[in-house]
Structure formats: structure tokens, C-alpha cells
Protein backbone atom coordinates (compact mmCIF):
# COMPACT_ATOMS: atom_id res chain seq x y z
CA MET A 1 -0.08 -0.10 -0.01
CA PHE A 2 1.18 3.53 -0.81
CA GLU A 3 3.96 2.31 -2.99
CA GLY A 4 6.10 5.18 -4.17
CA PHE A 5 4.88 7.48 -1.29
CA GLU A 6 7.42 9.21 0.92
CA CYS A 7 6.63 8.76 4.61
CA ARG A 8 7.29 11.93 6.70
CA ARG A 9 6.77 12.82 10.36
CA ILE A 10 6.13 16.61 10.63
CA GLU A 11 6.24 18.60 13.84
CA THR A 12 3.40 21.07 14.32
CA SER A 13 2.92 23.49 17.18
CA GLY A 14 0.75 20.93 18.91
CA THR A 15 2.05 17.49 18.03
CA THR A 16 3.67 15.31 15.46
CA ILE A 17 1.67 14.29 12.36
CA ASN A 18 2.45 11.27 10.29
CA ALA A 19 2.14 11.86 6.53
CA ARG A 20 2.49 10.03 3.18
CA ILE A 21 3.32 12.22 0.20
CA ALA A 22 3.55 11.58 -3.62
CA GLY A 23 2.77 12.99 -6.96
CA ASP A 24 3.18 16.30 -8.76
CA GLY A 25 0.53 18.90 -9.39
CA PRO A 26 -2.01 20.89 -7.39
CA PRO A 27 -1.78 19.80 -3.72
CA VAL A 28 -4.62 17.90 -2.04
CA LEU A 29 -4.77 16.85 1.56
CA LEU A 30 -6.59 13.61 2.42
CA LEU A 31 -8.02 13.12 6.02
CA HIS A 32 -9.38 9.85 7.34
CA GLY A 33 -12.06 9.08 9.87
CA TYR A 34 -12.87 6.86 12.96
CA PRO A 35 -11.58 4.25 13.76
CA GLN A 36 -9.03 4.32 10.95
CA THR A 37 -5.82 5.97 9.61
CA HIS A 38 -4.61 7.41 6.35
CA LEU A 39 -4.65 3.84 4.88
CA ILE A 40 -8.35 4.29 4.07
CA TRP A 41 -7.10 6.15 0.96
CA HIS A 42 -4.97 3.27 -0.26
CA ALA A 43 -7.12 2.66 -3.29
CA VAL A 44 -7.63 6.37 -4.20
CA ALA A 45 -4.40 8.16 -3.28
CA PRO A 46 -2.05 6.40 -5.88
CA ARG A 47 -4.41 7.24 -8.67
CA LEU A 48 -4.93 10.71 -7.56
CA ALA A 49 -1.17 11.20 -7.29
CA GLU A 50 -1.00 10.71 -11.07
CA THR A 51 -2.41 14.32 -11.46
CA HIS A 52 -2.05 15.91 -7.96
CA THR A 53 0.50 16.20 -5.14
CA VAL A 54 -1.23 13.98 -2.54
CA VAL A 55 -0.71 14.32 1.13
CA ALA A 56 -2.51 11.65 3.30
CA THR A 57 -2.14 12.05 7.03
CA ASP A 58 -3.07 10.56 10.34
CA LEU A 59 -5.21 12.96 12.52
CA ARG A 60 -3.73 13.78 15.93
CA GLY A 61 -4.64 10.93 18.26
CA TYR A 62 -4.97 8.42 15.37
CA GLY A 63 -2.57 6.14 13.46
CA ASP A 64 1.01 6.94 13.99
CA SER A 65 0.43 10.69 14.71
CA GLY A 66 0.99 12.03 18.16
CA ARG A 67 -1.50 11.81 21.04
CA PRO A 68 -1.42 15.12 22.97
CA ALA A 69 -2.66 15.21 26.58
CA SER A 70 -6.25 16.50 27.01
CA ASP A 71 -8.24 18.03 29.93
CA GLU A 72 -11.82 18.49 30.85
CA THR A 73 -12.27 21.11 28.09
CA HIS A 74 -11.35 18.55 25.44
CA ALA A 75 -9.80 21.46 23.50
CA ALA A 76 -6.74 19.37 22.57
CA TYR A 77 -9.08 17.34 20.22
CA SER A 78 -11.27 20.14 18.99
CA LYS A 79 -11.65 20.22 15.28
CA ARG A 80 -10.01 23.64 15.55
CA ALA A 81 -6.78 22.18 17.01
CA MET A 82 -6.97 19.19 14.62
CA ALA A 83 -7.36 21.43 11.61
CA ALA A 84 -4.45 23.61 12.74
CA ASP A 85 -2.24 20.63 12.76
CA GLN A 86 -3.08 19.84 9.13
CA VAL A 87 -2.58 23.42 7.92
CA GLU A 88 0.82 23.47 9.55
CA VAL A 89 1.68 20.21 7.85
CA MET A 90 0.81 21.68 4.39
CA GLN A 91 2.77 24.80 5.13
CA ALA A 92 5.81 22.80 6.21
CA LEU A 93 5.58 20.99 2.77
CA GLY A 94 5.52 24.36 1.00
CA PHE A 95 1.80 24.51 0.25
CA GLU A 96 0.01 27.70 1.30
CA ARG A 97 -3.13 26.89 -0.58
CA PHE A 98 -4.61 23.43 -1.21
CA ALA A 99 -7.73 21.30 -1.62
CA VAL A 100 -8.83 19.21 1.30
CA VAL A 101 -10.81 15.90 1.17
CA GLY A 102 -12.05 14.49 4.49
CA HIS A 103 -13.99 11.31 5.40
CA ASP A 104 -15.93 10.99 8.67
CA ARG A 105 -13.90 12.68 11.49
CA GLY A 106 -11.54 13.94 8.91
CA ALA A 107 -14.43 15.69 7.10
CA ARG A 108 -15.37 17.41 10.38
CA VAL A 109 -11.76 18.54 10.68
CA ALA A 110 -11.86 19.79 7.03
CA HIS A 111 -15.18 21.57 7.72
CA ARG A 112 -13.56 23.57 10.62
CA MET A 113 -10.43 24.09 8.44
CA ALA A 114 -12.53 25.76 5.85
CA ARG A 115 -13.98 28.06 8.50
CA ASP A 116 -10.73 28.93 10.30
CA HIS A 117 -8.36 28.80 7.34
CA GLY A 118 -10.51 29.85 4.41
CA GLY A 119 -7.45 31.58 2.68
CA GLN A 120 -5.57 28.22 2.52
CA VAL A 121 -8.48 25.92 1.59
CA GLU A 122 -9.30 26.23 -2.13
CA ARG A 123 -11.81 23.39 -2.35
CA LEU A 124 -13.53 21.18 0.23
CA ALA A 125 -14.81 17.65 -0.20
CA VAL A 126 -16.75 15.89 2.66
CA LEU A 127 -17.45 12.15 2.62
CA ASP A 128 -20.36 10.56 4.41
CA ILE A 129 -21.19 13.20 6.89
CA ALA A 130 -23.68 15.99 7.47
CA PRO A 131 -22.60 19.03 9.59
CA THR A 132 -22.11 18.02 13.24
CA ALA A 133 -24.52 20.57 14.70
CA HIS A 134 -27.27 19.56 12.27
CA MET A 135 -26.80 15.90 13.25
CA TYR A 136 -27.14 16.52 17.00
CA GLN A 137 -30.22 18.82 16.43
CA ALA A 138 -31.93 16.29 14.25
CA THR A 139 -31.30 13.26 16.58
CA ASP A 140 -34.19 10.90 16.95
CA LYS A 141 -34.42 7.21 18.04
CA ALA A 142 -33.36 5.81 14.65
CA PHE A 143 -30.33 8.01 14.40
CA ALA A 144 -29.37 7.43 18.09
CA THR A 145 -29.70 3.74 17.60
CA ALA A 146 -27.52 3.67 14.45
CA TYR A 147 -25.02 6.28 15.84
CA TYR A 148 -24.97 4.99 19.34
CA HIS A 149 -21.16 5.60 19.38
CA TRP A 150 -21.60 9.33 19.25
CA PHE A 151 -23.36 9.06 22.63
CA PHE A 152 -21.26 6.20 24.04
CA LEU A 153 -17.80 7.74 23.32
CA ILE A 154 -18.73 11.06 24.89
CA GLN A 155 -19.27 9.54 28.34
CA PRO A 156 -16.80 10.60 30.93
CA HIS A 157 -13.41 8.98 31.09
CA PRO A 158 -12.62 6.29 31.81
CA LEU A 159 -15.91 4.36 31.03
CA PRO A 160 -15.69 4.03 27.21
CA GLU A 161 -11.94 3.61 27.27
CA ARG A 162 -12.08 0.71 29.78
CA MET A 163 -15.02 -1.02 27.86
CA ILE A 164 -13.35 -0.74 24.46
CA GLY A 165 -9.90 -1.51 25.92
CA ALA A 166 -11.22 -4.78 27.31
CA ASP A 167 -11.34 -6.20 23.68
CA PRO A 168 -10.22 -3.55 21.06
CA ALA A 169 -10.12 -6.13 18.27
CA PHE A 170 -13.74 -7.08 18.94
CA TYR A 171 -14.88 -3.44 18.93
CA LEU A 172 -12.86 -2.50 15.82
CA ASP A 173 -14.41 -5.37 13.85
CA TRP A 174 -17.86 -4.61 15.16
CA ILE A 175 -17.54 -1.01 13.82
CA LEU A 176 -15.86 -1.96 10.56
CA ASP A 177 -18.18 -4.81 9.68
CA GLY A 178 -21.24 -2.97 10.82
CA TRP A 179 -20.64 0.23 8.88
CA CYS A 180 -19.32 -1.38 5.74
CA LYS A 181 -21.98 -2.56 3.29
CA THR A 182 -19.54 -3.94 0.66
CA PRO A 183 -18.24 -7.38 1.66
CA GLY A 184 -14.44 -7.51 1.38
CA ALA A 185 -14.02 -3.90 0.77
CA ILE A 186 -11.64 -3.39 3.70
CA ALA A 187 -8.42 -4.88 2.69
CA PRO A 188 -6.92 -7.31 5.38
CA GLU A 189 -3.58 -5.54 5.49
CA ALA A 190 -5.58 -2.21 6.17
CA ARG A 191 -7.65 -3.78 8.89
CA ALA A 192 -4.55 -5.22 10.53
CA ASP A 193 -2.99 -1.86 10.57
CA TYR A 194 -6.10 -0.14 11.84
CA LEU A 195 -5.96 -2.60 14.80
CA ARG A 196 -2.30 -2.06 15.41
CA CYS A 197 -3.00 1.61 15.94
CA PHE A 198 -6.38 1.43 17.59
CA ALA A 199 -5.50 -1.10 20.19
CA ASP A 200 -3.08 1.49 21.75
CA PRO A 201 -4.83 2.62 24.99
CA ALA A 202 -3.72 6.17 24.29
CA ALA A 203 -5.33 5.98 20.84
CA ILE A 204 -8.64 4.77 22.33
CA HIS A 205 -8.55 7.66 24.87
CA ALA A 206 -7.69 10.20 22.03
CA SER A 207 -10.53 9.02 19.79
CA CYS A 208 -13.00 9.41 22.77
CA GLU A 209 -11.65 12.91 23.37
CA ASP A 210 -12.37 13.57 19.70
CA TYR A 211 -15.99 12.67 20.09
CA ARG A 212 -16.15 14.50 23.48
CA ALA A 213 -14.92 17.56 21.78
CA ALA A 214 -17.54 17.27 19.11
CA ALA A 215 -20.33 17.33 21.65
CA THR A 216 -18.96 20.29 23.59
CA ILE A 217 -16.31 22.77 22.39
CA ASP A 218 -16.76 22.01 18.68
CA LEU A 219 -20.50 23.00 19.00
CA GLU A 220 -19.43 26.23 20.70
CA HIS A 221 -17.12 27.03 17.76
CA ASP A 222 -19.87 26.17 15.33
CA ALA A 223 -22.31 28.52 16.99
CA ALA A 224 -19.72 31.35 17.04
CA ASP A 225 -19.66 31.20 13.24
CA GLY A 226 -22.89 33.19 13.20
CA GLY A 227 -24.46 31.45 10.24
CA GLU A 228 -21.87 32.70 7.78
CA LYS A 229 -21.68 30.35 4.74
CA ILE A 230 -18.49 28.64 3.53
CA ALA A 231 -17.47 30.42 0.26
CA MET A 232 -15.27 27.86 -1.47
CA PRO A 233 -16.80 25.00 -3.65
CA LEU A 234 -17.88 22.07 -1.51
CA LEU A 235 -18.37 18.47 -2.84
CA ALA A 236 -20.48 16.07 -0.63
CA LEU A 237 -20.33 12.32 -1.35
CA TRP A 238 -22.09 9.80 0.72
CA GLY A 239 -22.72 5.97 0.77
CA ARG A 240 -26.19 5.29 -0.65
CA ASP A 241 -26.73 2.43 1.78
CA GLY A 242 -25.40 4.15 4.90
CA VAL A 243 -27.00 5.82 7.85
CA VAL A 244 -26.28 9.40 6.58
CA ALA A 245 -28.24 8.67 3.42
CA ARG A 246 -31.24 7.46 5.49
CA SER A 247 -31.04 10.19 8.09
CA CYS A 248 -31.01 13.48 6.07
CA ASP A 249 -30.96 15.24 2.79
CA VAL A 250 -27.26 15.48 2.61
CA LEU A 251 -27.05 18.29 -0.09
CA ALA A 252 -29.65 20.38 1.73
CA THR A 253 -27.80 20.25 5.02
CA TRP A 254 -24.48 21.39 3.36
CA ARG A 255 -26.25 24.12 1.44
CA ALA A 256 -27.41 25.46 4.77
CA VAL A 257 -23.78 26.17 5.63
CA ALA A 258 -21.95 26.54 2.29
CA ALA A 259 -22.74 28.69 -0.80
CA ASP A 260 -21.51 26.38 -3.54
CA VAL A 261 -22.47 22.69 -3.01
CA THR A 262 -22.53 19.71 -5.37
CA GLY A 263 -22.51 16.01 -4.78
CA HIS A 264 -24.23 12.65 -4.91
CA ALA A 265 -24.40 9.19 -3.38
CA VAL A 266 -22.01 6.44 -4.36
CA PRO A 267 -22.40 2.64 -3.90
CA GLY A 268 -21.89 1.14 -0.46
CA GLY A 269 -22.05 2.19 3.15
CA HIS A 270 -19.95 4.44 5.41
CA PHE A 271 -16.39 3.73 4.24
CA VAL A 272 -16.69 5.52 0.87
CA PRO A 273 -12.98 5.49 -0.26
CA GLU A 274 -12.70 1.73 0.37
CA GLU A 275 -16.20 0.65 -0.75
CA ALA A 276 -16.47 2.87 -3.89
CA PRO A 277 -12.87 3.85 -4.82
CA ALA A 278 -13.52 4.12 -8.55
CA GLU A 279 -16.63 6.41 -8.05
CA THR A 280 -14.81 8.35 -5.35
CA LEU A 281 -11.88 8.96 -7.58
CA ALA A 282 -13.97 9.99 -10.54
CA ALA A 283 -15.92 12.46 -8.41
CA LEU A 284 -12.70 13.98 -6.94
CA ALA A 285 -10.91 14.09 -10.20
CA ALA A 286 -13.89 16.17 -11.72
CA PHE A 287 -14.22 18.32 -8.68
CA LEU A 288 -10.53 19.01 -8.10
């Protein structure tokens, strides 16, 4: 996986970020989601690197990136802090302006990045999410049942950490197999590396802090935006068989917060880059 990509560890003001880089052309940053790493892009990144400079990173707390200490404010895992890491990575690589593509938690980081660093983000693609504030406000029984992890992971430390840590392999498989609607889409070598990283107790804690931040300080940051719409072009893709597709009108939710929105569903469930790599690549190539 990622043959021909350079592996770098880049120091930011807040932590160390693990990155893979390849290609030549307009820069694009790829951000993964929970409970995965940059390997989710293994079927998309090499092809995209034929026309772009691709930077695929691990978010702070995930993969082989650093896991900063947190506190009761959860600010260390706010999307603002996580976005700042990634902007610093791109600046360290010499890219002042770039496109960003995020899946799941990475898309939430990318959304905040577009808010806080609009001068750097040229284009924004978000995969299989609706805006965080909308999803909380629209919560009903069906959503809470399907997205139980949103409410489990935000419970106070150490409850979710202890429960997941009792058998992280079981929990990871439960998530991957439950959210994936395309049998065999998650490559065994990717799954093994997800477990290698996720089984670290510090990574379990960091991922819980990510969700705790989403339910607290991230919502404060969202409210402070004052309803101003994101200006840069935004592409939304989502799995046609996933929870997001069933829960909301994806394009409408994004048009409420962004001025220039396009997008469509792709085959499969939540893990869009792994379940529908060809469709994802085609959509990104046209958008970028």
C-alpha cells in the first residue's frame, strides 16, 4: 500500500503528524475518519497522485500521529486544534493553498479548517457526513440507535476507554463490519494496521476525546460562526446504503452552511474511499 509515497513525520505546534506524500501537481490533503488511519485512501491516493500532489495524514490521536494530553475542556481534540495541525503540515511542505478531502472525522476537521483557514483551503470535499450541529439537532431514535457511538464515546473518562480496551479487536471489527455494506471492501492488511494503531490505550482515549470535543467545544465554535456560509466550492459524497443517506437530505444540510455545494451518493456504506474507490476517484478528479 502507498508504494512510491514518501513517509514523513512533521512537527506542528501541537503534536507530530504522520504523513504520506507523492505526486506532482495541485496539492490535495486527504484526511481519514474513525476508527481508521490514512490507509483508508490506499485505493484512491495512488491514482490521484498521477495528477496531484497527494498528502495523506493521520489525524492527531490516530494512526502514527502524536496523542497530545487532554483535559476537561477537550480542547486538545477540538476540530480547531486538529485542523491547525493539518494546515501546519501543508505549510511545512510548502503549500500555502490546497484542496482538502475528508472522510468521517476527517471531514469534520476539514469543515472547521474551511472556517478557520479559508485563505488556505481552495476546495473542500466531505465524505459521508452532514454538519455536526445538524446531526445533533436532528437526533431521533433511529439516528441514536445507528449512531450509538456518538453518545457512548462522549461519556466521561474512563468508562468508554475501559470498555473498548477490554477487547479492542472485537470493537474495531464490530464497527468496521457494521458500517461497511460492501463485503471484502476493507483490505486485510488495512484492517490489521487499523488494529495495530487502535489497540493502543492512548489512541482509544484520544478517539474518545475527539468525540467529547464534538459534543462540547466544537459546537461552541460552530455557534460562533454566526451562520456565515463557507465560500469555497464544496463536494459532498455519501454511501447510498449508509446511515447518513437514511438520516437526512445531505445536499440540503450542506447548502445551509456553504454557498457552492454539489455532490451525490456512491455505492456502499460508510467507508466511501474503500467501498467505492472508482466512483470516489472519478468524483474527486472532476471536482478538483
